[in-house]
């Protein structure tokens, strides 16, 4: 599941935060919860994310077993990203985060 060259912390919370660091990581997972997506579809759904950041997060997710990357031998090449069962289990985490924010964080503006 994890690349042996990239060791994760022993503490489970620290492991979680290492893999899902920053807002983009959780938003990528949120977008993949609706089904497989191509790189361009993810970029369109995440206005403001740079290609470098998206690529970096997706590579980390593939290394840690949260996402699969399937490349199709077509012209032009097609690559699809999809959550693994492990990644899909993050749905409950994101739902809990959203429920907490709705209840305890007022909207500004």
PDB file of N, CA and C in Angstrom:
ATOM      1  N   UNK A   1       0.824  -1.197   0.000  1.00  0.00           N
ATOM      2  CA  UNK A   1       0.000   0.000   0.000  1.00  0.00           C
ATOM      3  C   UNK A   1       0.863   1.254   0.000  1.00  0.00           C
ATOM      4  N   UNK A   2       1.907   1.289   0.817  1.00  0.00           N
ATOM      5  CA  UNK A   2       2.776   2.451   0.853  1.00  0.00           C
ATOM      6  C   UNK A   2       4.098   2.138   0.195  1.00  0.00           C
ATOM      7  N   UNK A   3       4.651   3.100  -0.472  1.00  0.00           N
ATOM      8  CA  UNK A   3       5.962   2.970  -1.077  1.00  0.00           C
ATOM      9  C   UNK A   3       6.993   2.936   0.046  1.00  0.00           C
ATOM     10  N   UNK A   4       7.821   1.881   0.123  1.00  0.00           N
ATOM     11  CA  UNK A   4       8.781   1.776   1.213  1.00  0.00           C
ATOM     12  C   UNK A   4       9.795   2.910   1.251  1.00  0.00           C
ATOM     13  N   UNK A   5       9.983   3.603   0.138  1.00  0.00           N
ATOM     14  CA  UNK A   5      10.919   4.720   0.125  1.00  0.00           C
ATOM     15  C   UNK A   5      10.332   5.971   0.775  1.00  0.00           C
ATOM     16  N   UNK A   6       9.056   5.988   0.999  1.00  0.00           N
ATOM     17  CA  UNK A   6       8.389   7.144   1.587  1.00  0.00           C
ATOM     18  C   UNK A   6       7.709   6.709   2.882  1.00  0.00           C
ATOM     19  N   UNK A   7       8.464   6.707   3.965  1.00  0.00           N
ATOM     20  CA  UNK A   7       7.910   6.260   5.237  1.00  0.00           C
ATOM     21  C   UNK A   7       6.990   7.320   5.814  1.00  0.00           C
ATOM     22  N   UNK A   8       5.940   6.857   6.406  1.00  0.00           N
ATOM     23  CA  UNK A   8       4.971   7.747   7.025  1.00  0.00           C
ATOM     24  C   UNK A   8       5.150   7.694   8.540  1.00  0.00           C
ATOM     25  N   UNK A   9       4.739   8.753   9.244  1.00  0.00           N
ATOM     26  CA  UNK A   9       4.881   8.776  10.700  1.00  0.00           C
ATOM     27  C   UNK A   9       4.134   7.622  11.371  1.00  0.00           C
ATOM     28  N   UNK A  10       4.536   7.316  12.580  1.00  0.00           N
ATOM     29  CA  UNK A  10       3.896   6.233  13.321  1.00  0.00           C
ATOM     30  C   UNK A  10       2.500   6.623  13.812  1.00  0.00           C
ATOM     31  N   UNK A  11       2.338   7.858  14.233  1.00  0.00           N
ATOM     32  CA  UNK A  11       1.047   8.337  14.747  1.00  0.00           C
ATOM     33  C   UNK A  11       0.018   8.362  13.620  1.00  0.00           C
ATOM     34  N   UNK A  12      -1.157   7.735  13.812  1.00  0.00           N
ATOM     35  CA  UNK A  12      -2.170   7.699  12.755  1.00  0.00           C
ATOM     36  C   UNK A  12      -2.641   9.086  12.296  1.00  0.00           C
ATOM     37  N   UNK A  13      -2.802  10.008  13.226  1.00  0.00           N
ATOM     38  CA  UNK A  13      -3.242  11.353  12.847  1.00  0.00           C
ATOM     39  C   UNK A  13      -2.162  12.045  12.021  1.00  0.00           C
ATOM     40  N   UNK A  14      -0.908  11.873  12.418  1.00  0.00           N
ATOM     41  CA  UNK A  14       0.198  12.462  11.650  1.00  0.00           C
ATOM     42  C   UNK A  14       0.277  11.838  10.256  1.00  0.00           C
ATOM     43  N   UNK A  15       0.013  10.535  10.153  1.00  0.00           N
ATOM     44  CA  UNK A  15       0.002   9.873   8.829  1.00  0.00           C
ATOM     45  C   UNK A  15      -1.087  10.479   7.957  1.00  0.00           C
ATOM     46  N   UNK A  16      -2.266  10.623   8.529  1.00  0.00           N
ATOM     47  CA  UNK A  16      -3.390  11.203   7.800  1.00  0.00           C
ATOM     48  C   UNK A  16      -3.024  12.597   7.289  1.00  0.00           C
ATOM     49  N   UNK A  17      -2.477  13.431   8.175  1.00  0.00           N
ATOM     50  CA  UNK A  17      -2.152  14.801   7.800  1.00  0.00           C
ATOM     51  C   UNK A  17      -0.983  14.882   6.820  1.00  0.00           C
ATOM     52  N   UNK A  18      -0.089  13.908   6.861  1.00  0.00           N
ATOM     53  CA  UNK A  18       1.024  13.873   5.914  1.00  0.00           C
ATOM     54  C   UNK A  18       0.512  13.601   4.502  1.00  0.00           C
ATOM     55  N   UNK A  19      -0.427  12.680   4.391  1.00  0.00           N
ATOM     56  CA  UNK A  19      -0.953  12.310   3.073  1.00  0.00           C
ATOM     57  C   UNK A  19      -1.970  13.331   2.574  1.00  0.00           C
ATOM     58  N   UNK A  20      -2.826  13.810   3.453  1.00  0.00           N
ATOM     59  CA  UNK A  20      -3.882  14.749   3.049  1.00  0.00           C
ATOM     60  C   UNK A  20      -3.557  16.162   3.517  1.00  0.00           C
ATOM     61  N   UNK A  21      -2.341  16.610   3.238  1.00  0.00           N
ATOM     62  CA  UNK A  21      -1.937  17.942   3.666  1.00  0.00           C
ATOM     63  C   UNK A  21      -2.508  19.013   2.746  1.00  0.00           C
ATOM     64  N   UNK A  22      -2.925  20.086   3.344  1.00  0.00           N
ATOM     65  CA  UNK A  22      -3.416  21.219   2.578  1.00  0.00           C
ATOM     66  C   UNK A  22      -4.814  21.018   2.029  1.00  0.00           C
ATOM     67  N   UNK A  23      -5.438  22.117   1.640  1.00  0.00           N
ATOM     68  CA  UNK A  23      -6.823  22.035   1.168  1.00  0.00           C
ATOM     69  C   UNK A  23      -6.978  21.293  -0.152  1.00  0.00           C
ATOM     70  N   UNK A  24      -5.985  21.370  -1.032  1.00  0.00           N
ATOM     71  CA  UNK A  24      -6.143  20.738  -2.337  1.00  0.00           C
ATOM     72  C   UNK A  24      -6.308  19.227  -2.209  1.00  0.00           C
ATOM     73  N   UNK A  25      -5.578  18.622  -1.296  1.00  0.00           N
ATOM     74  CA  UNK A  25      -5.627  17.164  -1.169  1.00  0.00           C
ATOM     75  C   UNK A  25      -7.051  16.692  -0.868  1.00  0.00           C
ATOM     76  N   UNK A  26      -7.700  17.313   0.097  1.00  0.00           N
ATOM     77  CA  UNK A  26      -9.053  16.880   0.444  1.00  0.00           C
ATOM     78  C   UNK A  26     -10.043  17.210  -0.672  1.00  0.00           C
ATOM     79  N   UNK A  27      -9.814  18.306  -1.379  1.00  0.00           N
ATOM     80  CA  UNK A  27     -10.722  18.656  -2.474  1.00  0.00           C
ATOM     81  C   UNK A  27     -10.564  17.706  -3.665  1.00  0.00           C
ATOM     82  N   UNK A  28      -9.355  17.220  -3.889  1.00  0.00           N
ATOM     83  CA  UNK A  28      -9.143  16.221  -4.944  1.00  0.00           C
ATOM     84  C   UNK A  28      -9.903  14.950  -4.589  1.00  0.00           C
ATOM     85  N   UNK A  29      -9.780  14.516  -3.343  1.00  0.00           N
ATOM     86  CA  UNK A  29     -10.512  13.320  -2.894  1.00  0.00           C
ATOM     87  C   UNK A  29     -12.010  13.554  -3.047  1.00  0.00           C
ATOM     88  N   UNK A  30     -12.485  14.728  -2.634  1.00  0.00           N
ATOM     89  CA  UNK A  30     -13.919  15.050  -2.768  1.00  0.00           C
ATOM     90  C   UNK A  30     -14.382  14.894  -4.205  1.00  0.00           C
ATOM     91  N   UNK A  31     -13.593  15.409  -5.153  1.00  0.00           N
ATOM     92  CA  UNK A  31     -13.985  15.318  -6.558  1.00  0.00           C
ATOM     93  C   UNK A  31     -13.937  13.884  -7.082  1.00  0.00           C
ATOM     94  N   UNK A  32     -12.995  13.098  -6.595  1.00  0.00           N
ATOM     95  CA  UNK A  32     -12.898  11.701  -7.046  1.00  0.00           C
ATOM     96  C   UNK A  32     -13.969  10.812  -6.409  1.00  0.00           C
ATOM     97  N   UNK A  33     -14.610  11.286  -5.347  1.00  0.00           N
ATOM     98  CA  UNK A  33     -15.688  10.503  -4.733  1.00  0.00           C
ATOM     99  C   UNK A  33     -16.872  10.320  -5.685  1.00  0.00           C
ATOM    100  N   UNK A  34     -16.995  11.192  -6.680  1.00  0.00           N
ATOM    101  CA  UNK A  34     -18.105  11.074  -7.634  1.00  0.00           C
ATOM    102  C   UNK A  34     -17.781  10.113  -8.774  1.00  0.00           C
ATOM    103  N   UNK A  35     -16.541   9.606  -8.811  1.00  0.00           N
ATOM    104  CA  UNK A  35     -16.180   8.646  -9.845  1.00  0.00           C
ATOM    105  C   UNK A  35     -14.848   8.977 -10.479  1.00  0.00           C
ATOM    106  N   UNK A  36     -14.383   8.091 -11.372  1.00  0.00           N
ATOM    107  CA  UNK A  36     -13.086   8.283 -12.029  1.00  0.00           C
ATOM    108  C   UNK A  36     -13.050   9.589 -12.812  1.00  0.00           C
ATOM    109  N   UNK A  37     -11.869  10.208 -12.837  1.00  0.00           N
ATOM    110  CA  UNK A  37     -11.716  11.473 -13.549  1.00  0.00           C
ATOM    111  C   UNK A  37     -10.369  11.496 -14.267  1.00  0.00           C
ATOM    112  N   UNK A  38     -10.352  12.230 -15.357  1.00  0.00           N
ATOM    113  CA  UNK A  38      -9.100  12.514 -16.062  1.00  0.00           C
ATOM    114  C   UNK A  38      -8.474  13.761 -15.420  1.00  0.00           C
ATOM    115  N   UNK A  39      -7.193  13.952 -15.682  1.00  0.00           N
ATOM    116  CA  UNK A  39      -6.462  15.079 -15.114  1.00  0.00           C
ATOM    117  C   UNK A  39      -7.167  16.401 -15.418  1.00  0.00           C
ATOM    118  N   UNK A  40      -7.560  16.588 -16.673  1.00  0.00           N
ATOM    119  CA  UNK A  40      -8.198  17.853 -17.067  1.00  0.00           C
ATOM    120  C   UNK A  40      -9.541  18.050 -16.373  1.00  0.00           C
ATOM    121  N   UNK A  41     -10.263  16.968 -16.130  1.00  0.00           N
ATOM    122  CA  UNK A  41     -11.537  17.074 -15.415  1.00  0.00           C
ATOM    123  C   UNK A  41     -11.304  17.528 -13.977  1.00  0.00           C
ATOM    124  N   UNK A  42     -10.253  16.996 -13.372  1.00  0.00           N
ATOM    125  CA  UNK A  42      -9.930  17.403 -12.003  1.00  0.00           C
ATOM    126  C   UNK A  42      -9.532  18.877 -11.967  1.00  0.00           C
ATOM    127  N   UNK A  43      -8.722  19.311 -12.926  1.00  0.00           N
ATOM    128  CA  UNK A  43      -8.312  20.722 -12.974  1.00  0.00           C
ATOM    129  C   UNK A  43      -9.510  21.639 -13.154  1.00  0.00           C
ATOM    130  N   UNK A  44     -10.449  21.235 -13.996  1.00  0.00           N
ATOM    131  CA  UNK A  44     -11.643  22.047 -14.224  1.00  0.00           C
ATOM    132  C   UNK A  44     -12.475  22.156 -12.948  1.00  0.00           C
ATOM    133  N   UNK A  45     -12.567  21.068 -12.199  1.00  0.00           N
ATOM    134  CA  UNK A  45     -13.350  21.053 -10.965  1.00  0.00           C
ATOM    135  C   UNK A  45     -12.677  21.730  -9.790  1.00  0.00           C
ATOM    136  N   UNK A  46     -11.395  22.074  -9.952  1.00  0.00           N
ATOM    137  CA  UNK A  46     -10.630  22.704  -8.875  1.00  0.00           C
ATOM    138  C   UNK A  46      -9.988  23.998  -9.373  1.00  0.00           C
ATOM    139  N   UNK A  47     -10.806  25.021  -9.615  1.00  0.00           N
ATOM    140  CA  UNK A  47     -10.253  26.272 -10.138  1.00  0.00           C
ATOM    141  C   UNK A  47      -9.170  26.813  -9.198  1.00  0.00           C
ATOM    142  N   UNK A  48      -8.045  27.193  -9.786  1.00  0.00           N
ATOM    143  CA  UNK A  48      -6.965  27.762  -8.991  1.00  0.00           C
ATOM    144  C   UNK A  48      -5.831  26.796  -8.696  1.00  0.00           C
ATOM    145  N   UNK A  49      -6.070  25.495  -8.861  1.00  0.00           N
ATOM    146  CA  UNK A  49      -5.001  24.538  -8.609  1.00  0.00           C
ATOM    147  C   UNK A  49      -4.035  24.541  -9.788  1.00  0.00           C
ATOM    148  N   UNK A  50      -2.746  24.503  -9.490  1.00  0.00           N
ATOM    149  CA  UNK A  50      -1.768  24.470 -10.570  1.00  0.00           C
ATOM    150  C   UNK A  50      -1.589  23.025 -11.044  1.00  0.00           C
ATOM    151  N   UNK A  51      -1.209  22.846 -12.294  1.00  0.00           N
ATOM    152  CA  UNK A  51      -0.965  21.486 -12.781  1.00  0.00           C
ATOM    153  C   UNK A  51       0.092  20.758 -11.947  1.00  0.00           C
ATOM    154  N   UNK A  52       1.112  21.485 -11.512  1.00  0.00           N
ATOM    155  CA  UNK A  52       2.181  20.893 -10.702  1.00  0.00           C
ATOM    156  C   UNK A  52       1.634  20.379  -9.363  1.00  0.00           C
ATOM    157  N   UNK A  53       0.811  21.173  -8.707  1.00  0.00           N
ATOM    158  CA  UNK A  53       0.232  20.767  -7.425  1.00  0.00           C
ATOM    159  C   UNK A  53      -0.679  19.564  -7.608  1.00  0.00           C
ATOM    160  N   UNK A  54      -1.530  19.600  -8.619  1.00  0.00           N
ATOM    161  CA  UNK A  54      -2.441  18.482  -8.867  1.00  0.00           C
ATOM    162  C   UNK A  54      -1.654  17.213  -9.155  1.00  0.00           C
ATOM    163  N   UNK A  55      -0.661  17.318  -9.993  1.00  0.00           N
ATOM    164  CA  UNK A  55       0.156  16.162 -10.340  1.00  0.00           C
ATOM    165  C   UNK A  55       0.867  15.603  -9.109  1.00  0.00           C
ATOM    166  N   UNK A  56       1.415  16.474  -8.299  1.00  0.00           N
ATOM    167  CA  UNK A  56       2.129  16.062  -7.088  1.00  0.00           C
ATOM    168  C   UNK A  56       1.210  15.331  -6.117  1.00  0.00           C
ATOM    169  N   UNK A  57       0.014  15.883  -5.899  1.00  0.00           N
ATOM    170  CA  UNK A  57      -0.939  15.247  -4.968  1.00  0.00           C
ATOM    171  C   UNK A  57      -1.395  13.896  -5.512  1.00  0.00           C
ATOM    172  N   UNK A  58      -1.671  13.829  -6.805  1.00  0.00           N
ATOM    173  CA  UNK A  58      -2.106  12.559  -7.390  1.00  0.00           C
ATOM    174  C   UNK A  58      -1.009  11.503  -7.288  1.00  0.00           C
ATOM    175  N   UNK A  59       0.236  11.896  -7.521  1.00  0.00           N
ATOM    176  CA  UNK A  59       1.346  10.950  -7.385  1.00  0.00           C
ATOM    177  C   UNK A  59       1.450  10.437  -5.959  1.00  0.00           C
ATOM    178  N   UNK A  60       1.297  11.319  -4.990  1.00  0.00           N
ATOM    179  CA  UNK A  60       1.344  10.905  -3.579  1.00  0.00           C
ATOM    180  C   UNK A  60       0.209   9.932  -3.279  1.00  0.00           C
ATOM    181  N   UNK A  61      -0.984  10.235  -3.796  1.00  0.00           N
ATOM    182  CA  UNK A  61      -2.134   9.358  -3.549  1.00  0.00           C
ATOM    183  C   UNK A  61      -1.932   7.977  -4.171  1.00  0.00           C
ATOM    184  N   UNK A  62      -1.315   7.938  -5.336  1.00  0.00           N
ATOM    185  CA  UNK A  62      -1.029   6.651  -5.980  1.00  0.00           C
ATOM    186  C   UNK A  62      -0.018   5.877  -5.131  1.00  0.00           C
ATOM    187  N   UNK A  63       1.041   6.557  -4.678  1.00  0.00           N
ATOM    188  CA  UNK A  63       2.067   5.899  -3.849  1.00  0.00           C
ATOM    189  C   UNK A  63       1.491   5.340  -2.555  1.00  0.00           C
ATOM    190  N   UNK A  64       0.560   6.061  -1.952  1.00  0.00           N
ATOM    191  CA  UNK A  64       0.010   5.632  -0.663  1.00  0.00           C
ATOM    192  C   UNK A  64      -1.206   4.722  -0.802  1.00  0.00           C
ATOM    193  N   UNK A  65      -1.611   4.442  -2.028  1.00  0.00           N
ATOM    194  CA  UNK A  65      -2.698   3.491  -2.235  1.00  0.00           C
ATOM    195  C   UNK A  65      -4.097   4.062  -2.133  1.00  0.00           C
ATOM    196  N   UNK A  66      -4.231   5.392  -2.197  1.00  0.00           N
ATOM    197  CA  UNK A  66      -5.566   5.999  -2.141  1.00  0.00           C
ATOM    198  C   UNK A  66      -6.206   6.104  -3.518  1.00  0.00           C
ATOM    199  N   UNK A  67      -5.370   6.160  -4.549  1.00  0.00           N
ATOM    200  CA  UNK A  67      -5.847   6.385  -5.917  1.00  0.00           C
ATOM    201  C   UNK A  67      -5.123   5.421  -6.861  1.00  0.00           C
ATOM    202  N   UNK A  68      -5.858   4.969  -7.873  1.00  0.00           N
ATOM    203  CA  UNK A  68      -5.215   4.214  -8.949  1.00  0.00           C
ATOM    204  C   UNK A  68      -5.095   5.127 -10.167  1.00  0.00           C
ATOM    205  N   UNK A  69      -4.041   4.907 -10.909  1.00  0.00           N
ATOM    206  CA  UNK A  69      -3.805   5.659 -12.151  1.00  0.00           C
ATOM    207  C   UNK A  69      -3.786   4.636 -13.275  1.00  0.00           C
ATOM    208  N   UNK A  70      -4.728   4.773 -14.209  1.00  0.00           N
ATOM    209  CA  UNK A  70      -4.804   3.853 -15.333  1.00  0.00           C
ATOM    210  C   UNK A  70      -4.522   4.612 -16.614  1.00  0.00           C
ATOM    211  N   UNK A  71      -3.460   4.190 -17.310  1.00  0.00           N
ATOM    212  CA  UNK A  71      -3.092   4.807 -18.579  1.00  0.00           C
ATOM    213  C   UNK A  71      -3.547   3.893 -19.708  1.00  0.00           C
ATOM    214  N   UNK A  72      -4.267   4.454 -20.662  1.00  0.00           N
ATOM    215  CA  UNK A  72      -4.766   3.703 -21.802  1.00  0.00           C
ATOM    216  C   UNK A  72      -3.893   3.996 -23.011  1.00  0.00           C
ATOM    217  N   UNK A  73      -3.524   2.948 -23.722  1.00  0.00           N
ATOM    218  CA  UNK A  73      -2.661   3.092 -24.907  1.00  0.00           C
ATOM    219  C   UNK A  73      -3.499   3.552 -26.094  1.00  0.00           C
ATOM    220  N   UNK A  74      -3.804   4.814 -26.091  1.00  0.00           N
ATOM    221  CA  UNK A  74      -4.602   5.418 -27.159  1.00  0.00           C
ATOM    222  C   UNK A  74      -3.861   6.640 -27.673  1.00  0.00           C
ATOM    223  N   UNK A  75      -4.312   7.150 -28.781  1.00  0.00           N
ATOM    224  CA  UNK A  75      -3.765   8.398 -29.297  1.00  0.00           C
ATOM    225  C   UNK A  75      -4.912   9.387 -29.402  1.00  0.00           C
ATOM    226  N   UNK A  76      -4.886  10.479 -28.665  1.00  0.00           N
ATOM    227  CA  UNK A  76      -3.892  10.832 -27.664  1.00  0.00           C
ATOM    228  C   UNK A  76      -4.029   9.940 -26.418  1.00  0.00           C
ATOM    229  N   UNK A  77      -2.958   9.834 -25.621  1.00  0.00           N
ATOM    230  CA  UNK A  77      -3.011   8.985 -24.424  1.00  0.00           C
ATOM    231  C   UNK A  77      -4.095   9.466 -23.465  1.00  0.00           C
ATOM    232  N   UNK A  78      -4.696   8.519 -22.791  1.00  0.00           N
ATOM    233  CA  UNK A  78      -5.752   8.837 -21.812  1.00  0.00           C
ATOM    234  C   UNK A  78      -5.341   8.236 -20.480  1.00  0.00           C
ATOM    235  N   UNK A  79      -5.377   9.056 -19.430  1.00  0.00           N
ATOM    236  CA  UNK A  79      -5.053   8.610 -18.080  1.00  0.00           C
ATOM    237  C   UNK A  79      -6.246   8.923 -17.189  1.00  0.00           C
ATOM    238  N   UNK A  80      -6.650   7.929 -16.404  1.00  0.00           N
ATOM    239  CA  UNK A  80      -7.809   8.083 -15.527  1.00  0.00           C
ATOM    240  C   UNK A  80      -7.384   7.812 -14.085  1.00  0.00           C
ATOM    241  N   UNK A  81      -7.857   8.661 -13.193  1.00  0.00           N
ATOM    242  CA  UNK A  81      -7.585   8.515 -11.760  1.00  0.00           C
ATOM    243  C   UNK A  81      -8.871   8.100 -11.064  1.00  0.00           C
ATOM    244  N   UNK A  82      -8.733   7.158 -10.121  1.00  0.00           N
ATOM    245  CA  UNK A  82      -9.909   6.646  -9.421  1.00  0.00           C
ATOM    246  C   UNK A  82      -9.516   6.291  -7.996  1.00  0.00           C
ATOM    247  N   UNK A  83     -10.429   6.547  -7.059  1.00  0.00           N
ATOM    248  CA  UNK A  83     -10.168   6.175  -5.675  1.00  0.00           C
ATOM    249  C   UNK A  83     -10.159   4.658  -5.526  1.00  0.00           C
ATOM    250  N   UNK A  84      -9.259   4.167  -4.717  1.00  0.00           N
ATOM    251  CA  UNK A  84      -9.258   2.757  -4.339  1.00  0.00           C
ATOM    252  C   UNK A  84     -10.303   2.598  -3.231  1.00  0.00           C
ATOM    253  N   UNK A  85     -10.614   1.384  -2.811  1.00  0.00           N
ATOM    254  CA  UNK A  85     -11.526   1.225  -1.662  1.00  0.00           C
ATOM    255  C   UNK A  85     -11.028   1.992  -0.435  1.00  0.00           C
ATOM    256  N   UNK A  86      -9.724   2.002  -0.230  1.00  0.00           N
ATOM    257  CA  UNK A  86      -9.152   2.746   0.891  1.00  0.00           C
ATOM    258  C   UNK A  86      -9.434   4.241   0.751  1.00  0.00           C
ATOM    259  N   UNK A  87      -9.243   4.775  -0.443  1.00  0.00           N
ATOM    260  CA  UNK A  87      -9.523   6.181  -0.695  1.00  0.00           C
ATOM    261  C   UNK A  87     -10.997   6.505  -0.574  1.00  0.00           C
ATOM    262  N   UNK A  88     -11.842   5.600  -1.030  1.00  0.00           N
ATOM    263  CA  UNK A  88     -13.298   5.822  -0.965  1.00  0.00           C
ATOM    264  C   UNK A  88     -13.783   5.882   0.482  1.00  0.00           C
ATOM    265  N   UNK A  89     -13.084   5.222   1.393  1.00  0.00           N
ATOM    266  CA  UNK A  89     -13.475   5.273   2.808  1.00  0.00           C
ATOM    267  C   UNK A  89     -13.268   6.654   3.416  1.00  0.00           C
ATOM    268  N   UNK A  90     -12.582   7.536   2.704  1.00  0.00           N
ATOM    269  CA  UNK A  90     -12.432   8.917   3.179  1.00  0.00           C
ATOM    270  C   UNK A  90     -13.736   9.705   3.061  1.00  0.00           C
ATOM    271  N   UNK A  91     -14.718   9.143   2.369  1.00  0.00           N
ATOM    272  CA  UNK A  91     -16.000   9.843   2.221  1.00  0.00           C
ATOM    273  C   UNK A  91     -16.595  10.195   3.583  1.00  0.00           C
ATOM    274  N   UNK A  92     -16.526   9.268   4.523  1.00  0.00           N
ATOM    275  CA  UNK A  92     -17.089   9.528   5.849  1.00  0.00           C
ATOM    276  C   UNK A  92     -16.308  10.625   6.571  1.00  0.00           C
ATOM    277  N   UNK A  93     -14.998  10.688   6.338  1.00  0.00           N
ATOM    278  CA  UNK A  93     -14.176  11.731   6.950  1.00  0.00           C
ATOM    279  C   UNK A  93     -14.579  13.092   6.393  1.00  0.00           C
ATOM    280  N   UNK A  94     -14.707  13.191   5.083  1.00  0.00           N
ATOM    281  CA  UNK A  94     -15.093  14.459   4.472  1.00  0.00           C
ATOM    282  C   UNK A  94     -16.509  14.863   4.862  1.00  0.00           C
ATOM    283  N   UNK A  95     -17.411  13.898   4.960  1.00  0.00           N
ATOM    284  CA  UNK A  95     -18.780  14.196   5.381  1.00  0.00           C
ATOM    285  C   UNK A  95     -18.798  14.722   6.813  1.00  0.00           C
ATOM    286  N   UNK A  96     -17.977  14.148   7.668  1.00  0.00           N
ATOM    287  CA  UNK A  96     -17.889  14.606   9.057  1.00  0.00           C
ATOM    288  C   UNK A  96     -17.304  16.011   9.120  1.00  0.00           C
ATOM    289  N   UNK A  97     -16.283  16.272   8.304  1.00  0.00           N
ATOM    290  CA  UNK A  97     -15.698  17.617   8.251  1.00  0.00           C
ATOM    291  C   UNK A  97     -16.743  18.633   7.790  1.00  0.00           C
ATOM    292  N   UNK A  98     -17.502  18.273   6.775  1.00  0.00           N
ATOM    293  CA  UNK A  98     -18.522  19.192   6.246  1.00  0.00           C
ATOM    294  C   UNK A  98     -19.613  19.454   7.279  1.00  0.00           C
ATOM    295  N   UNK A  99     -20.043  18.404   7.975  1.00  0.00           N
ATOM    296  CA  UNK A  99     -21.081  18.565   8.999  1.00  0.00           C
ATOM    297  C   UNK A  99     -20.590  19.468  10.132  1.00  0.00           C
ATOM    298  N   UNK A 100     -19.348  19.269  10.535  1.00  0.00           N
ATOM    299  CA  UNK A 100     -18.780  20.102  11.591  1.00  0.00           C
ATOM    300  C   UNK A 100     -18.714  21.563  11.140  1.00  0.00           C
ATOM    301  N   UNK A 101     -18.243  21.798   9.914  1.00  0.00           N
ATOM    302  CA  UNK A 101     -18.131  23.161   9.405  1.00  0.00           C
ATOM    303  C   UNK A 101     -19.500  23.830   9.312  1.00  0.00           C
ATOM    304  N   UNK A 102     -20.504  23.093   8.864  1.00  0.00           N
ATOM    305  CA  UNK A 102     -21.862  23.657   8.782  1.00  0.00           C
ATOM    306  C   UNK A 102     -22.377  24.056  10.155  1.00  0.00           C
ATOM    307  N   UNK A 103     -22.074  23.255  11.153  1.00  0.00           N
ATOM    308  CA  UNK A 103     -22.587  23.508  12.502  1.00  0.00           C
ATOM    309  C   UNK A 103     -21.761  24.547  13.255  1.00  0.00           C
ATOM    310  N   UNK A 104     -20.446  24.489  13.124  1.00  0.00           N
ATOM    311  CA  UNK A 104     -19.588  25.265  14.017  1.00  0.00           C
ATOM    312  C   UNK A 104     -18.775  26.382  13.381  1.00  0.00           C
ATOM    313  N   UNK A 105     -18.766  26.483  12.068  1.00  0.00           N
ATOM    314  CA  UNK A 105     -18.037  27.569  11.421  1.00  0.00           C
ATOM    315  C   UNK A 105     -18.998  28.439  10.631  1.00  0.00           C
ATOM    316  N   UNK A 106     -19.232  29.664  11.111  1.00  0.00           N
ATOM    317  CA  UNK A 106     -20.151  30.530  10.372  1.00  0.00           C
ATOM    318  C   UNK A 106     -19.556  30.935   9.039  1.00  0.00           C
ATOM    319  N   UNK A 107     -20.430  31.101   8.068  1.00  0.00           N
ATOM    320  CA  UNK A 107     -19.990  31.595   6.761  1.00  0.00           C
ATOM    321  C   UNK A 107     -19.672  33.071   6.900  1.00  0.00           C
ATOM    322  N   UNK A 108     -18.614  33.486   6.250  1.00  0.00           N
ATOM    323  CA  UNK A 108     -18.217  34.891   6.285  1.00  0.00           C
ATOM    324  C   UNK A 108     -18.673  35.552   4.990  1.00  0.00           C
ATOM    325  N   UNK A 109     -19.276  36.693   5.111  1.00  0.00           N
ATOM    326  CA  UNK A 109     -19.637  37.423   3.907  1.00  0.00           C
ATOM    327  C   UNK A 109     -21.048  37.625   3.818  1.00  0.00           C
TER     328      UNK A 109
END
